[in-house]
Amino acid sequence: MITTFDLLAAHPFLAGLPAEHIDVLSRWARRAPFRAGTRIFEENGNAGRWWLIRDGTVSLRTQVPGRGELVIETLGPGSVLGWSWLFPPYRWHFSAETVSPVLSIAFDAAGVRGLCHADPALGYELTTRFLAVVVDRMQATRLRLLDLYRPPG
């Protein structure tokens, strides 16, 4: 049987992380399947979890005044979903909804934050990896909004 440790060790987001870090992370992780069309979280809601996507796709969305909800990015296998759990005030900056059935690994945010405080090396590794995700998401948002507000012609 494939263990949570095995699932984490095989995920690209955690590639190169020492086995002892994967082991302690696995204690705060669980398998989390979602049906297509499931709203995983809402913009401005409490960010109490984060996910590694194994299979399926999730769209990240944001409310644009006068335009409604806009898809910013679509995430697939090998992606990480959720970074707001790591930075106060721990509120979602986007909404997330499954486009297809999704198999993910969910993490308890408070538990992982506790691990990061207790082990600065793990905290540094995760913060560095999540900051790269933040930069990618902000860039995707910027490009999508530029497309939306580009003058015709």
N, C-alpha and C. Protein backbone atom coordinates (compact mmCIF):
# COMPACT_ATOMS: atom_id res chain seq x y z
N MET A 1 0.84 -1.18 0.00
CA MET A 1 0.00 0.00 0.00
C MET A 1 0.89 1.26 0.00
N ILE A 2 0.48 2.25 -0.76
CA ILE A 2 1.24 3.50 -0.83
C ILE A 2 0.91 4.33 0.41
N THR A 3 1.95 4.77 1.10
CA THR A 3 1.77 5.56 2.31
C THR A 3 1.72 7.05 1.97
N THR A 4 1.29 7.84 2.95
CA THR A 4 1.30 9.30 2.78
C THR A 4 2.73 9.77 2.54
N PHE A 5 3.68 9.20 3.24
CA PHE A 5 5.09 9.53 3.03
C PHE A 5 5.47 9.33 1.57
N ASP A 6 5.08 8.17 1.00
CA ASP A 6 5.40 7.87 -0.40
C ASP A 6 4.79 8.90 -1.34
N LEU A 7 3.53 9.29 -1.08
CA LEU A 7 2.86 10.28 -1.92
C LEU A 7 3.58 11.63 -1.86
N LEU A 8 3.98 12.03 -0.66
CA LEU A 8 4.69 13.30 -0.51
C LEU A 8 6.07 13.25 -1.18
N ALA A 9 6.79 12.16 -0.97
CA ALA A 9 8.13 12.03 -1.54
C ALA A 9 8.11 12.06 -3.07
N ALA A 10 6.99 11.64 -3.67
CA ALA A 10 6.89 11.60 -5.13
C ALA A 10 6.39 12.92 -5.73
N HIS A 11 5.95 13.86 -4.91
CA HIS A 11 5.37 15.10 -5.45
C HIS A 11 6.47 16.10 -5.80
N PRO A 12 6.40 16.71 -7.00
CA PRO A 12 7.45 17.64 -7.43
C PRO A 12 7.68 18.83 -6.50
N PHE A 13 6.64 19.31 -5.84
CA PHE A 13 6.80 20.47 -4.96
C PHE A 13 7.76 20.18 -3.80
N LEU A 14 7.80 18.94 -3.38
CA LEU A 14 8.66 18.57 -2.25
C LEU A 14 9.95 17.90 -2.69
N ALA A 15 10.24 17.90 -3.98
CA ALA A 15 11.45 17.26 -4.51
C ALA A 15 12.70 17.80 -3.81
N GLY A 16 13.55 16.89 -3.38
CA GLY A 16 14.80 17.27 -2.75
C GLY A 16 14.69 17.56 -1.26
N LEU A 17 13.49 17.54 -0.72
CA LEU A 17 13.31 17.76 0.72
C LEU A 17 13.84 16.52 1.46
N PRO A 18 14.61 16.71 2.53
CA PRO A 18 15.12 15.55 3.27
C PRO A 18 13.99 14.64 3.77
N ALA A 19 14.28 13.36 3.84
CA ALA A 19 13.28 12.37 4.25
C ALA A 19 12.71 12.69 5.64
N GLU A 20 13.53 13.22 6.54
CA GLU A 20 13.01 13.53 7.87
C GLU A 20 11.98 14.65 7.83
N HIS A 21 12.12 15.59 6.90
CA HIS A 21 11.13 16.65 6.75
C HIS A 21 9.84 16.10 6.14
N ILE A 22 9.98 15.23 5.17
CA ILE A 22 8.79 14.61 4.57
C ILE A 22 8.06 13.78 5.63
N ASP A 23 8.81 13.11 6.46
CA ASP A 23 8.20 12.29 7.51
C ASP A 23 7.37 13.14 8.46
N VAL A 24 7.91 14.27 8.94
CA VAL A 24 7.14 15.09 9.89
C VAL A 24 5.96 15.76 9.19
N LEU A 25 6.13 16.15 7.92
CA LEU A 25 5.00 16.72 7.16
C LEU A 25 3.88 15.70 6.99
N SER A 26 4.25 14.44 6.78
CA SER A 26 3.24 13.40 6.54
C SER A 26 2.29 13.24 7.74
N ARG A 27 2.73 13.63 8.92
CA ARG A 27 1.88 13.53 10.11
C ARG A 27 0.75 14.55 10.10
N TRP A 28 0.88 15.59 9.28
CA TRP A 28 -0.15 16.64 9.18
C TRP A 28 -0.87 16.58 7.84
N ALA A 29 -0.71 15.47 7.12
CA ALA A 29 -1.28 15.33 5.78
C ALA A 29 -2.30 14.20 5.73
N ARG A 30 -3.24 14.35 4.77
CA ARG A 30 -4.21 13.28 4.52
C ARG A 30 -4.64 13.35 3.06
N ARG A 31 -5.07 12.23 2.54
CA ARG A 31 -5.59 12.20 1.17
C ARG A 31 -6.90 12.98 1.12
N ALA A 32 -7.07 13.74 0.04
CA ALA A 32 -8.27 14.58 -0.07
C ALA A 32 -8.78 14.57 -1.52
N PRO A 33 -9.74 13.69 -1.81
CA PRO A 33 -10.35 13.69 -3.15
C PRO A 33 -11.48 14.72 -3.22
N PHE A 34 -11.69 15.28 -4.41
CA PHE A 34 -12.77 16.22 -4.66
C PHE A 34 -13.46 15.85 -5.96
N ARG A 35 -14.78 16.03 -6.01
CA ARG A 35 -15.54 15.86 -7.25
C ARG A 35 -15.38 17.11 -8.11
N ALA A 36 -15.60 16.97 -9.41
CA ALA A 36 -15.58 18.12 -10.31
C ALA A 36 -16.65 19.12 -9.87
N GLY A 37 -16.31 20.40 -9.94
CA GLY A 37 -17.26 21.45 -9.56
C GLY A 37 -17.31 21.75 -8.07
N THR A 38 -16.38 21.21 -7.31
CA THR A 38 -16.33 21.46 -5.86
C THR A 38 -15.58 22.76 -5.58
N ARG A 39 -16.17 23.60 -4.78
CA ARG A 39 -15.50 24.83 -4.34
C ARG A 39 -14.62 24.44 -3.15
N ILE A 40 -13.32 24.54 -3.30
CA ILE A 40 -12.40 24.13 -2.24
C ILE A 40 -12.27 25.22 -1.18
N PHE A 41 -12.15 26.47 -1.64
CA PHE A 41 -12.12 27.58 -0.69
C PHE A 41 -12.58 28.85 -1.38
N GLU A 42 -12.95 29.84 -0.56
CA GLU A 42 -13.48 31.12 -1.04
C GLU A 42 -12.51 32.26 -0.72
N GLU A 43 -12.39 33.18 -1.66
CA GLU A 43 -11.60 34.38 -1.45
C GLU A 43 -12.01 35.03 -0.12
N ASN A 44 -11.04 35.44 0.66
CA ASN A 44 -11.19 36.08 1.97
C ASN A 44 -11.57 35.11 3.08
N GLY A 45 -11.75 33.84 2.78
CA GLY A 45 -12.06 32.86 3.82
C GLY A 45 -10.81 32.50 4.62
N ASN A 46 -11.01 31.78 5.71
CA ASN A 46 -9.91 31.36 6.57
C ASN A 46 -9.05 30.31 5.85
N ALA A 47 -7.75 30.56 5.79
CA ALA A 47 -6.82 29.66 5.11
C ALA A 47 -6.27 28.66 6.12
N GLY A 48 -6.98 27.57 6.30
CA GLY A 48 -6.60 26.58 7.30
C GLY A 48 -5.97 25.33 6.74
N ARG A 49 -5.82 25.26 5.42
CA ARG A 49 -5.25 24.07 4.77
C ARG A 49 -4.44 24.50 3.54
N TRP A 50 -3.67 23.55 3.02
CA TRP A 50 -3.07 23.67 1.70
C TRP A 50 -2.98 22.27 1.11
N TRP A 51 -2.83 22.18 -0.21
CA TRP A 51 -2.94 20.91 -0.91
C TRP A 51 -1.84 20.73 -1.94
N LEU A 52 -1.43 19.49 -2.11
CA LEU A 52 -0.61 19.08 -3.24
C LEU A 52 -1.53 18.35 -4.19
N ILE A 53 -1.57 18.76 -5.44
CA ILE A 53 -2.46 18.14 -6.43
C ILE A 53 -1.72 16.98 -7.08
N ARG A 54 -2.33 15.80 -7.00
CA ARG A 54 -1.78 14.60 -7.65
C ARG A 54 -2.41 14.38 -9.01
N ASP A 55 -3.73 14.48 -9.07
CA ASP A 55 -4.47 14.25 -10.31
C ASP A 55 -5.60 15.26 -10.40
N GLY A 56 -5.95 15.65 -11.63
CA GLY A 56 -7.06 16.56 -11.84
C GLY A 56 -6.62 18.01 -11.97
N THR A 57 -7.63 18.89 -12.12
CA THR A 57 -7.33 20.31 -12.30
C THR A 57 -8.22 21.17 -11.41
N VAL A 58 -7.64 22.29 -10.98
CA VAL A 58 -8.31 23.25 -10.11
C VAL A 58 -8.12 24.64 -10.73
N SER A 59 -9.21 25.42 -10.78
CA SER A 59 -9.07 26.80 -11.27
C SER A 59 -9.00 27.75 -10.08
N LEU A 60 -8.07 28.70 -10.19
CA LEU A 60 -7.97 29.79 -9.22
C LEU A 60 -8.74 30.96 -9.79
N ARG A 61 -9.57 31.58 -8.95
CA ARG A 61 -10.47 32.64 -9.41
C ARG A 61 -10.38 33.84 -8.47
N THR A 62 -10.72 35.01 -9.03
CA THR A 62 -10.81 36.21 -8.21
C THR A 62 -11.97 37.06 -8.70
N GLN A 63 -12.52 37.84 -7.79
CA GLN A 63 -13.60 38.77 -8.14
C GLN A 63 -12.98 40.04 -8.71
N VAL A 64 -13.47 40.44 -9.88
CA VAL A 64 -13.04 41.68 -10.52
C VAL A 64 -14.24 42.61 -10.56
N PRO A 65 -14.13 43.78 -9.91
CA PRO A 65 -15.27 44.70 -9.88
C PRO A 65 -15.79 45.00 -11.29
N GLY A 66 -17.09 44.88 -11.43
CA GLY A 66 -17.73 45.14 -12.72
C GLY A 66 -17.59 44.02 -13.73
N ARG A 67 -16.83 42.99 -13.42
CA ARG A 67 -16.60 41.89 -14.36
C ARG A 67 -17.00 40.54 -13.81
N GLY A 68 -17.21 40.46 -12.50
CA GLY A 68 -17.55 39.18 -11.89
C GLY A 68 -16.31 38.36 -11.58
N GLU A 69 -16.50 37.06 -11.49
CA GLU A 69 -15.39 36.17 -11.15
C GLU A 69 -14.58 35.83 -12.39
N LEU A 70 -13.27 35.90 -12.25
CA LEU A 70 -12.35 35.67 -13.35
C LEU A 70 -11.40 34.53 -13.00
N VAL A 71 -11.20 33.60 -13.93
CA VAL A 71 -10.21 32.54 -13.73
C VAL A 71 -8.83 33.13 -13.97
N ILE A 72 -7.98 33.03 -12.98
CA ILE A 72 -6.63 33.55 -13.04
C ILE A 72 -5.67 32.51 -13.58
N GLU A 73 -5.83 31.28 -13.12
CA GLU A 73 -4.89 30.22 -13.48
C GLU A 73 -5.57 28.88 -13.27
N THR A 74 -5.15 27.88 -14.02
CA THR A 74 -5.62 26.51 -13.81
C THR A 74 -4.43 25.65 -13.41
N LEU A 75 -4.57 24.95 -12.31
CA LEU A 75 -3.49 24.13 -11.76
C LEU A 75 -3.77 22.67 -12.02
N GLY A 76 -2.72 21.92 -12.33
CA GLY A 76 -2.86 20.51 -12.60
C GLY A 76 -1.96 19.66 -11.74
N PRO A 77 -1.80 18.39 -12.12
CA PRO A 77 -0.96 17.47 -11.34
C PRO A 77 0.44 18.03 -11.13
N GLY A 78 0.95 17.85 -9.93
CA GLY A 78 2.28 18.35 -9.58
C GLY A 78 2.27 19.75 -9.00
N SER A 79 1.09 20.39 -8.99
CA SER A 79 0.98 21.76 -8.47
C SER A 79 0.69 21.76 -6.98
N VAL A 80 0.91 22.93 -6.38
CA VAL A 80 0.54 23.16 -5.00
C VAL A 80 -0.61 24.17 -5.00
N LEU A 81 -1.58 23.95 -4.14
CA LEU A 81 -2.75 24.82 -4.04
C LEU A 81 -2.78 25.44 -2.65
N GLY A 82 -2.72 26.76 -2.61
CA GLY A 82 -2.83 27.47 -1.34
C GLY A 82 -1.49 27.89 -0.79
N TRP A 83 -1.32 29.17 -0.63
CA TRP A 83 -0.14 29.70 0.06
C TRP A 83 -0.53 30.67 1.16
N SER A 84 -1.76 31.09 1.21
CA SER A 84 -2.20 32.09 2.19
C SER A 84 -2.12 31.59 3.63
N TRP A 85 -2.10 30.30 3.84
CA TRP A 85 -2.01 29.69 5.17
C TRP A 85 -0.70 30.04 5.87
N LEU A 86 0.33 30.42 5.09
CA LEU A 86 1.66 30.62 5.63
C LEU A 86 1.90 32.06 6.09
N PHE A 87 1.08 32.99 5.61
CA PHE A 87 1.32 34.40 5.86
C PHE A 87 0.10 35.04 6.53
N PRO A 88 0.31 35.65 7.72
CA PRO A 88 -0.82 36.32 8.37
C PRO A 88 -1.43 37.36 7.43
N PRO A 89 -2.72 37.54 7.46
CA PRO A 89 -3.69 37.10 8.46
C PRO A 89 -4.33 35.75 8.13
N TYR A 90 -3.70 34.92 7.27
CA TYR A 90 -4.19 33.58 6.94
C TYR A 90 -5.59 33.62 6.32
N ARG A 91 -5.76 34.47 5.31
CA ARG A 91 -7.01 34.59 4.55
C ARG A 91 -6.69 34.32 3.08
N TRP A 92 -7.61 33.61 2.40
CA TRP A 92 -7.41 33.30 0.99
C TRP A 92 -7.44 34.56 0.13
N HIS A 93 -6.52 34.64 -0.81
CA HIS A 93 -6.46 35.77 -1.74
C HIS A 93 -7.25 35.48 -3.02
N PHE A 94 -7.55 34.21 -3.26
CA PHE A 94 -8.32 33.77 -4.41
C PHE A 94 -9.37 32.78 -3.93
N SER A 95 -10.20 32.33 -4.87
CA SER A 95 -11.09 31.19 -4.64
C SER A 95 -10.55 30.04 -5.49
N ALA A 96 -10.90 28.82 -5.12
CA ALA A 96 -10.46 27.64 -5.88
C ALA A 96 -11.63 26.70 -6.09
N GLU A 97 -11.75 26.20 -7.32
CA GLU A 97 -12.81 25.27 -7.67
C GLU A 97 -12.25 24.19 -8.58
N THR A 98 -12.67 22.95 -8.35
CA THR A 98 -12.19 21.86 -9.19
C THR A 98 -12.85 21.93 -10.56
N VAL A 99 -12.04 21.70 -11.58
CA VAL A 99 -12.52 21.66 -12.96
C VAL A 99 -12.86 20.22 -13.34
N SER A 100 -12.11 19.29 -12.77
CA SER A 100 -12.29 17.86 -12.98
C SER A 100 -12.17 17.19 -11.61
N PRO A 101 -12.43 15.89 -11.53
CA PRO A 101 -12.16 15.22 -10.25
C PRO A 101 -10.69 15.41 -9.87
N VAL A 102 -10.45 15.63 -8.59
CA VAL A 102 -9.09 15.91 -8.11
C VAL A 102 -8.74 14.94 -6.99
N LEU A 103 -7.54 14.43 -7.07
CA LEU A 103 -6.95 13.68 -5.97
C LEU A 103 -5.81 14.54 -5.43
N SER A 104 -5.90 14.91 -4.17
CA SER A 104 -4.90 15.78 -3.57
C SER A 104 -4.49 15.25 -2.21
N ILE A 105 -3.46 15.89 -1.68
CA ILE A 105 -3.03 15.63 -0.32
C ILE A 105 -3.22 16.95 0.42
N ALA A 106 -4.04 16.94 1.45
CA ALA A 106 -4.34 18.14 2.23
C ALA A 106 -3.46 18.18 3.48
N PHE A 107 -3.04 19.39 3.84
CA PHE A 107 -2.22 19.60 5.03
C PHE A 107 -2.94 20.53 5.99
N ASP A 108 -2.82 20.26 7.26
CA ASP A 108 -3.34 21.13 8.30
C ASP A 108 -2.36 22.30 8.45
N ALA A 109 -2.84 23.52 8.18
CA ALA A 109 -1.97 24.70 8.16
C ALA A 109 -1.35 24.99 9.52
N ALA A 110 -2.14 24.97 10.57
CA ALA A 110 -1.61 25.29 11.90
C ALA A 110 -0.54 24.27 12.31
N GLY A 111 -0.78 23.01 11.99
CA GLY A 111 0.20 21.98 12.32
C GLY A 111 1.51 22.19 11.57
N VAL A 112 1.42 22.51 10.29
CA VAL A 112 2.64 22.72 9.50
C VAL A 112 3.34 24.01 9.94
N ARG A 113 2.59 25.05 10.26
CA ARG A 113 3.22 26.27 10.80
C ARG A 113 3.99 25.94 12.08
N GLY A 114 3.41 25.11 12.93
CA GLY A 114 4.10 24.68 14.15
C GLY A 114 5.40 23.96 13.84
N LEU A 115 5.38 23.09 12.83
CA LEU A 115 6.60 22.40 12.42
C LEU A 115 7.66 23.41 11.95
N CYS A 116 7.22 24.40 11.19
CA CYS A 116 8.14 25.42 10.67
C CYS A 116 8.79 26.21 11.80
N HIS A 117 8.02 26.53 12.84
CA HIS A 117 8.56 27.26 13.99
C HIS A 117 9.54 26.38 14.77
N ALA A 118 9.22 25.11 14.89
CA ALA A 118 10.06 24.19 15.66
C ALA A 118 11.34 23.81 14.93
N ASP A 119 11.29 23.81 13.60
CA ASP A 119 12.46 23.41 12.79
C ASP A 119 12.72 24.49 11.75
N PRO A 120 13.60 25.44 12.05
CA PRO A 120 13.86 26.55 11.12
C PRO A 120 14.32 26.10 9.74
N ALA A 121 15.04 24.99 9.65
CA ALA A 121 15.48 24.51 8.33
C ALA A 121 14.27 24.11 7.47
N LEU A 122 13.31 23.41 8.07
CA LEU A 122 12.09 23.05 7.35
C LEU A 122 11.30 24.32 7.03
N GLY A 123 11.19 25.22 7.99
CA GLY A 123 10.48 26.48 7.76
C GLY A 123 11.07 27.27 6.61
N TYR A 124 12.39 27.34 6.55
CA TYR A 124 13.06 28.05 5.46
C TYR A 124 12.76 27.38 4.12
N GLU A 125 12.88 26.06 4.08
CA GLU A 125 12.62 25.31 2.83
C GLU A 125 11.20 25.56 2.33
N LEU A 126 10.22 25.41 3.20
CA LEU A 126 8.83 25.59 2.77
C LEU A 126 8.55 27.04 2.40
N THR A 127 9.06 27.98 3.18
CA THR A 127 8.83 29.39 2.87
C THR A 127 9.43 29.75 1.51
N THR A 128 10.62 29.29 1.23
CA THR A 128 11.26 29.55 -0.06
C THR A 128 10.44 28.96 -1.20
N ARG A 129 9.97 27.74 -1.03
CA ARG A 129 9.17 27.09 -2.08
C ARG A 129 7.83 27.81 -2.27
N PHE A 130 7.21 28.21 -1.17
CA PHE A 130 5.93 28.90 -1.29
C PHE A 130 6.08 30.31 -1.83
N LEU A 131 7.18 30.97 -1.53
CA LEU A 131 7.38 32.31 -2.11
C LEU A 131 7.48 32.24 -3.63
N ALA A 132 8.08 31.18 -4.15
CA ALA A 132 8.12 30.99 -5.60
C ALA A 132 6.70 30.82 -6.15
N VAL A 133 5.84 30.12 -5.42
CA VAL A 133 4.44 29.95 -5.82
C VAL A 133 3.73 31.31 -5.81
N VAL A 134 3.95 32.10 -4.76
CA VAL A 134 3.33 33.42 -4.66
C VAL A 134 3.72 34.28 -5.86
N VAL A 135 4.99 34.30 -6.20
CA VAL A 135 5.46 35.10 -7.33
C VAL A 135 4.79 34.63 -8.62
N ASP A 136 4.72 33.32 -8.83
CA ASP A 136 4.07 32.79 -10.04
C ASP A 136 2.60 33.18 -10.09
N ARG A 137 1.89 33.08 -8.97
CA ARG A 137 0.46 33.41 -8.95
C ARG A 137 0.23 34.89 -9.17
N MET A 138 1.06 35.72 -8.58
CA MET A 138 0.90 37.17 -8.77
C MET A 138 1.19 37.55 -10.22
N GLN A 139 2.17 36.92 -10.82
CA GLN A 139 2.48 37.18 -12.23
C GLN A 139 1.32 36.72 -13.12
N ALA A 140 0.76 35.56 -12.84
CA ALA A 140 -0.39 35.08 -13.61
C ALA A 140 -1.57 36.04 -13.47
N THR A 141 -1.78 36.55 -12.26
CA THR A 141 -2.87 37.51 -12.03
C THR A 141 -2.64 38.78 -12.82
N ARG A 142 -1.43 39.29 -12.76
CA ARG A 142 -1.09 40.51 -13.49
C ARG A 142 -1.33 40.34 -14.99
N LEU A 143 -0.86 39.24 -15.55
CA LEU A 143 -1.04 39.00 -16.99
C LEU A 143 -2.51 38.86 -17.36
N ARG A 144 -3.26 38.16 -16.53
CA ARG A 144 -4.69 37.98 -16.81
C ARG A 144 -5.43 39.31 -16.76
N LEU A 145 -5.11 40.15 -15.79
CA LEU A 145 -5.76 41.46 -15.68
C LEU A 145 -5.32 42.39 -16.81
N LEU A 146 -4.07 42.30 -17.25
CA LEU A 146 -3.64 43.08 -18.41
C LEU A 146 -4.44 42.69 -19.65
N ASP A 147 -4.66 41.40 -19.84
CA ASP A 147 -5.48 40.93 -20.96
C ASP A 147 -6.90 41.47 -20.86
N LEU A 148 -7.44 41.46 -19.66
CA LEU A 148 -8.82 41.89 -19.44
C LEU A 148 -9.01 43.38 -19.74
N TYR A 149 -8.04 44.18 -19.37
CA TYR A 149 -8.18 45.62 -19.50
C TYR A 149 -7.42 46.22 -20.69
N ARG A 150 -6.91 45.36 -21.57
CA ARG A 150 -6.19 45.82 -22.75
C ARG A 150 -7.18 46.52 -23.68
N PRO A 151 -6.80 47.71 -24.18
CA PRO A 151 -7.71 48.41 -25.12
C PRO A 151 -7.90 47.60 -26.40
N PRO A 152 -9.08 47.67 -27.00
CA PRO A 152 -9.32 46.93 -28.24
C PRO A 152 -8.41 47.44 -29.36
N GLY A 153 -8.11 46.53 -30.26
CA GLY A 153 -7.36 46.96 -31.46
C GLY A 153 -6.05 46.43 -31.45
